[in-house]
C-alpha atoms as a PDB file:
ATOM      1  CA  MET A   1       0.545  -4.136 -14.481  1.00  0.00           C
ATOM      2  CA  THR A   2      -2.251  -1.648 -15.044  1.00  0.00           C
ATOM      3  CA  VAL A   3      -2.250   1.870 -13.634  1.00  0.00           C
ATOM      4  CA  GLU A   4      -5.018   0.799 -11.239  1.00  0.00           C
ATOM      5  CA  GLN A   5      -2.910  -2.127  -9.980  1.00  0.00           C
ATOM      6  CA  ASN A   6       0.078   0.172  -9.439  1.00  0.00           C
ATOM      7  CA  ILE A   7      -2.111   2.583  -7.471  1.00  0.00           C
ATOM      8  CA  ALA A   8      -3.389  -0.337  -5.387  1.00  0.00           C
ATOM      9  CA  VAL A   9       0.203  -1.322  -4.460  1.00  0.00           C
ATOM     10  CA  VAL A  10       0.990   2.205  -3.251  1.00  0.00           C
ATOM     11  CA  ARG A  11      -2.334   2.482  -1.393  1.00  0.00           C
ATOM     12  CA  GLU A  12      -1.729  -0.848   0.366  1.00  0.00           C
ATOM     13  CA  TYR A  13       1.786   0.198   1.349  1.00  0.00           C
ATOM     14  CA  HIS A  14       0.740   3.608   2.694  1.00  0.00           C
ATOM     15  CA  GLU A  15      -2.307   2.344   4.579  1.00  0.00           C
ATOM     16  CA  ARG A  16      -0.400  -0.517   6.186  1.00  0.00           C
ATOM     17  CA  MET A  17       2.741   1.471   6.998  1.00  0.00           C
ATOM     18  CA  TRP A  18       1.330   4.800   8.121  1.00  0.00           C
ATOM     19  CA  MET A  19      -2.292   4.083   9.090  1.00  0.00           C
ATOM     20  CA  ARG A  20      -1.764   0.706  10.779  1.00  0.00           C
ATOM     21  CA  ASP A  21       1.934   0.955  11.799  1.00  0.00           C
ATOM     22  CA  ASP A  22       2.715  -2.303   9.958  1.00  0.00           C
ATOM     23  CA  LEU A  23       6.435  -2.334   9.089  1.00  0.00           C
ATOM     24  CA  THR A  24       6.029  -5.603   7.173  1.00  0.00           C
ATOM     25  CA  ALA A  25       4.526  -3.470   4.387  1.00  0.00           C
ATOM     26  CA  LEU A  26       8.100  -2.563   3.431  1.00  0.00           C
ATOM     27  CA  ASP A  27       9.030  -6.184   2.809  1.00  0.00           C
ATOM     28  CA  ASP A  28       5.733  -7.008   1.094  1.00  0.00           C
ATOM     29  CA  CYS A  29       5.322  -3.951  -1.148  1.00  0.00           C
ATOM     30  CA  TRP A  30       8.897  -2.921  -1.985  1.00  0.00           C
ATOM     31  CA  ASN A  31      11.509  -4.525  -4.197  1.00  0.00           C
ATOM     32  CA  PRO A  32      14.557  -5.044  -1.900  1.00  0.00           C
ATOM     33  CA  ALA A  33      16.771  -3.231  -4.452  1.00  0.00           C
ATOM     34  CA  ALA A  34      14.505  -0.172  -4.643  1.00  0.00           C
ATOM     35  CA  ALA A  35      16.059   3.262  -5.085  1.00  0.00           C
ATOM     36  CA  VAL A  36      14.838   5.802  -2.556  1.00  0.00           C
ATOM     37  CA  GLU A  37      15.347   9.529  -2.122  1.00  0.00           C
ATOM     38  CA  VAL A  38      13.979  10.902   1.156  1.00  0.00           C
ATOM     39  CA  SER A  39      14.511  14.495   2.276  1.00  0.00           C
ATOM     40  CA  GLY A  40      16.971  14.478   5.162  1.00  0.00           C
ATOM     41  CA  PHE A  41      18.257  10.910   4.722  1.00  0.00           C
ATOM     42  CA  ALA A  42      21.480   9.926   2.968  1.00  0.00           C
ATOM     43  CA  ASP A  43      20.607   6.242   2.508  1.00  0.00           C
ATOM     44  CA  SER A  44      19.362   5.297  -0.959  1.00  0.00           C
ATOM     45  CA  THR A  45      17.621   2.028  -0.042  1.00  0.00           C
ATOM     46  CA  ILE A  46      14.349   1.088   1.599  1.00  0.00           C
ATOM     47  CA  GLU A  47      16.307   1.190   4.866  1.00  0.00           C
ATOM     48  CA  ALA A  48      15.934   4.999   4.599  1.00  0.00           C
ATOM     49  CA  ILE A  49      12.150   4.502   4.740  1.00  0.00           C
ATOM     50  CA  ARG A  50      12.456   2.074   7.663  1.00  0.00           C
ATOM     51  CA  ASP A  51      14.683   4.576   9.512  1.00  0.00           C
ATOM     52  CA  ASP A  52      12.268   7.433   8.773  1.00  0.00           C
ATOM     53  CA  VAL A  53       9.264   5.495  10.068  1.00  0.00           C
ATOM     54  CA  THR A  54      11.164   4.377  13.184  1.00  0.00           C
ATOM     55  CA  ARG A  55      12.302   7.952  13.894  1.00  0.00           C
ATOM     56  CA  TYR A  56       8.772   9.306  13.380  1.00  0.00           C
ATOM     57  CA  ARG A  57       7.052   6.633  15.499  1.00  0.00           C
ATOM     58  CA  GLY A  58       9.586   7.225  18.289  1.00  0.00           C
ATOM     59  CA  ALA A  59       8.802  10.951  18.333  1.00  0.00           C
ATOM     60  CA  PHE A  60       5.030  11.011  17.744  1.00  0.00           C
ATOM     61  CA  THR A  61       1.987   9.301  19.241  1.00  0.00           C
ATOM     62  CA  ASP A  62      -1.709   9.476  18.345  1.00  0.00           C
ATOM     63  CA  VAL A  63      -0.661   9.266  14.689  1.00  0.00           C
ATOM     64  CA  ARG A  64      -3.336   9.866  12.080  1.00  0.00           C
ATOM     65  CA  ALA A  65      -2.403   9.504   8.424  1.00  0.00           C
ATOM     66  CA  SER A  66      -4.450  10.170   5.339  1.00  0.00           C
ATOM     67  CA  ILE A  67      -4.198  10.024   1.585  1.00  0.00           C
ATOM     68  CA  LEU A  68      -5.100  13.398   0.097  1.00  0.00           C
ATOM     69  CA  ASP A  69      -4.515  12.427  -3.554  1.00  0.00           C
ATOM     70  CA  LEU A  70      -3.379   9.285  -5.323  1.00  0.00           C
ATOM     71  CA  ILE A  71      -2.699   9.690  -9.039  1.00  0.00           C
ATOM     72  CA  GLY A  72      -1.220   7.188 -11.490  1.00  0.00           C
ATOM     73  CA  GLN A  73       0.178   7.271 -14.984  1.00  0.00           C
ATOM     74  CA  ASP A  74       2.012   4.393 -16.653  1.00  0.00           C
ATOM     75  CA  ASP A  75       4.350   2.937 -13.988  1.00  0.00           C
ATOM     76  CA  LYS A  76       4.315   6.072 -11.789  1.00  0.00           C
ATOM     77  CA  VAL A  77       2.067   6.777  -8.803  1.00  0.00           C
ATOM     78  CA  VAL A  78       1.988  10.124  -6.998  1.00  0.00           C
ATOM     79  CA  LEU A  79       0.821  10.087  -3.382  1.00  0.00           C
ATOM     80  CA  HIS A  80      -0.071  13.370  -1.650  1.00  0.00           C
ATOM     81  CA  TRP A  81      -0.252  12.592   2.070  1.00  0.00           C
ATOM     82  CA  GLU A  82      -0.834  14.154   5.448  1.00  0.00           C
ATOM     83  CA  THR A  83       0.200  12.825   8.851  1.00  0.00           C
ATOM     84  CA  THR A  84      -0.636  14.294  12.252  1.00  0.00           C
ATOM     85  CA  GLY A  85       0.723  13.229  15.626  1.00  0.00           C
ATOM     86  CA  ARG A  86       1.533  14.503  19.111  1.00  0.00           C
ATOM     87  CA  HIS A  87       5.245  15.313  19.438  1.00  0.00           C
ATOM     88  CA  VAL A  88       6.269  13.388  22.585  1.00  0.00           C
ATOM     89  CA  GLY A  89       9.874  12.377  21.906  1.00  0.00           C
ATOM     90  CA  PRO A  90      12.980  13.797  20.257  1.00  0.00           C
ATOM     91  CA  TYR A  91      12.665  14.393  16.522  1.00  0.00           C
ATOM     92  CA  GLY A  92      16.169  14.883  15.237  1.00  0.00           C
ATOM     93  CA  SER A  93      17.642  17.502  17.555  1.00  0.00           C
ATOM     94  CA  VAL A  94      14.236  18.866  18.640  1.00  0.00           C
ATOM     95  CA  ALA A  95      13.088  17.800  22.109  1.00  0.00           C
ATOM     96  CA  ALA A  96       9.462  16.826  22.674  1.00  0.00           C
ATOM     97  CA  THR A  97       7.066  19.787  22.579  1.00  0.00           C
ATOM     98  CA  GLY A  98       3.762  18.064  23.378  1.00  0.00           C
ATOM     99  CA  LYS A  99       2.264  19.823  20.349  1.00  0.00           C
ATOM    100  CA  ASP A 100       0.115  18.258  17.651  1.00  0.00           C
ATOM    101  CA  ILE A 101       2.165  18.502  14.453  1.00  0.00           C
ATOM    102  CA  THR A 102       0.870  18.074  10.912  1.00  0.00           C
ATOM    103  CA  MET A 103       3.218  16.981   8.140  1.00  0.00           C
ATOM    104  CA  THR A 104       2.376  17.018   4.459  1.00  0.00           C
ATOM    105  CA  GLY A 105       4.292  15.673   1.526  1.00  0.00           C
ATOM    106  CA  VAL A 106       4.332  14.113  -1.890  1.00  0.00           C
ATOM    107  CA  ASP A 107       5.882  10.763  -2.770  1.00  0.00           C
ATOM    108  CA  ILE A 108       6.512   9.782  -6.375  1.00  0.00           C
ATOM    109  CA  PHE A 109       6.661   6.000  -6.759  1.00  0.00           C
ATOM    110  CA  ARG A 110       7.616   3.774  -9.653  1.00  0.00           C
ATOM    111  CA  VAL A 111       6.031   0.325  -9.577  1.00  0.00           C
ATOM    112  CA  ALA A 112       7.150  -2.760 -11.533  1.00  0.00           C
ATOM    113  CA  ASP A 113       5.886  -6.318 -11.294  1.00  0.00           C
ATOM    114  CA  GLY A 114       3.618  -5.467  -8.374  1.00  0.00           C
ATOM    115  CA  ARG A 115       6.309  -3.924  -6.150  1.00  0.00           C
ATOM    116  CA  ILE A 116       7.668  -0.453  -5.546  1.00  0.00           C
ATOM    117  CA  VAL A 117      11.068  -0.091  -7.236  1.00  0.00           C
ATOM    118  CA  ALA A 118      11.732   3.629  -6.745  1.00  0.00           C
ATOM    119  CA  CYS A 119      10.480   6.532  -4.656  1.00  0.00           C
ATOM    120  CA  GLN A 120      11.258  10.189  -4.274  1.00  0.00           C
ATOM    121  CA  SER A 121       9.747  11.614  -1.082  1.00  0.00           C
ATOM    122  CA  LEU A 122       9.339  15.352  -0.566  1.00  0.00           C
ATOM    123  CA  TRP A 123       7.846  16.784   2.627  1.00  0.00           C
ATOM    124  CA  ASP A 124       7.368  20.252   4.062  1.00  0.00           C
ATOM    125  CA  GLY A 125      10.023  20.250   6.794  1.00  0.00           C
ATOM    126  CA  LEU A 126       9.908  24.025   7.277  1.00  0.00           C
ATOM    127  CA  SER A 127       6.270  23.851   8.326  1.00  0.00           C
ATOM    128  CA  VAL A 128       7.008  21.002  10.739  1.00  0.00           C
ATOM    129  CA  TYR A 129       9.815  22.869  12.480  1.00  0.00           C
ATOM    130  CA  GLU A 130       7.742  26.059  12.556  1.00  0.00           C
ATOM    131  CA  GLN A 131       4.917  24.150  14.295  1.00  0.00           C
ATOM    132  CA  MET A 132       7.442  22.827  16.806  1.00  0.00           C
ATOM    133  CA  GLY A 133       8.491  26.399  17.574  1.00  0.00           C
ATOM    134  CA  VAL A 134      12.045  25.966  16.279  1.00  0.00           C
ATOM    135  CA  LEU A 135      11.632  28.408  13.375  1.00  0.00           C
ATOM    136  CA  SER A 136       9.965  31.759  13.239  1.00  0.00           C
ATOM    137  CA  TYR A 137       9.614  34.273  10.468  1.00  0.00           C
ATOM    138  CA  PRO A 138       9.933  38.039  10.749  1.00  0.00           C
ATOM    139  CA  GLU A 139       6.684  39.923  10.362  1.00  0.00           C
END
């Protein structure tokens, strides 16, 4: 696979999953044995991604997702993303706030044979909980 093809796999996955709420992107774009590391989730399979998306979609409506940067080298693709939604349901232990919340993060994918085989996902949870009013910082 070329770098451009690997980038295309990650773009397709992100656009389908986060921009069109298409959970079948997991089955189509990921190797079932993929290794995943997601902040806040103990599972090391693509089920962690499925759980994360389900939790997010249950807590937020009016979701808007965008790709800020998409960079590839060899079999690695780095996705810098942003997602905004209205917080209308529980998110972890935080009750709905009705606020528009913006999340940003970086996912580092490894692609082989046209499918995602590994991902490390890092997102700015402190900013999210600050926007929800759960955290505050001394002045």
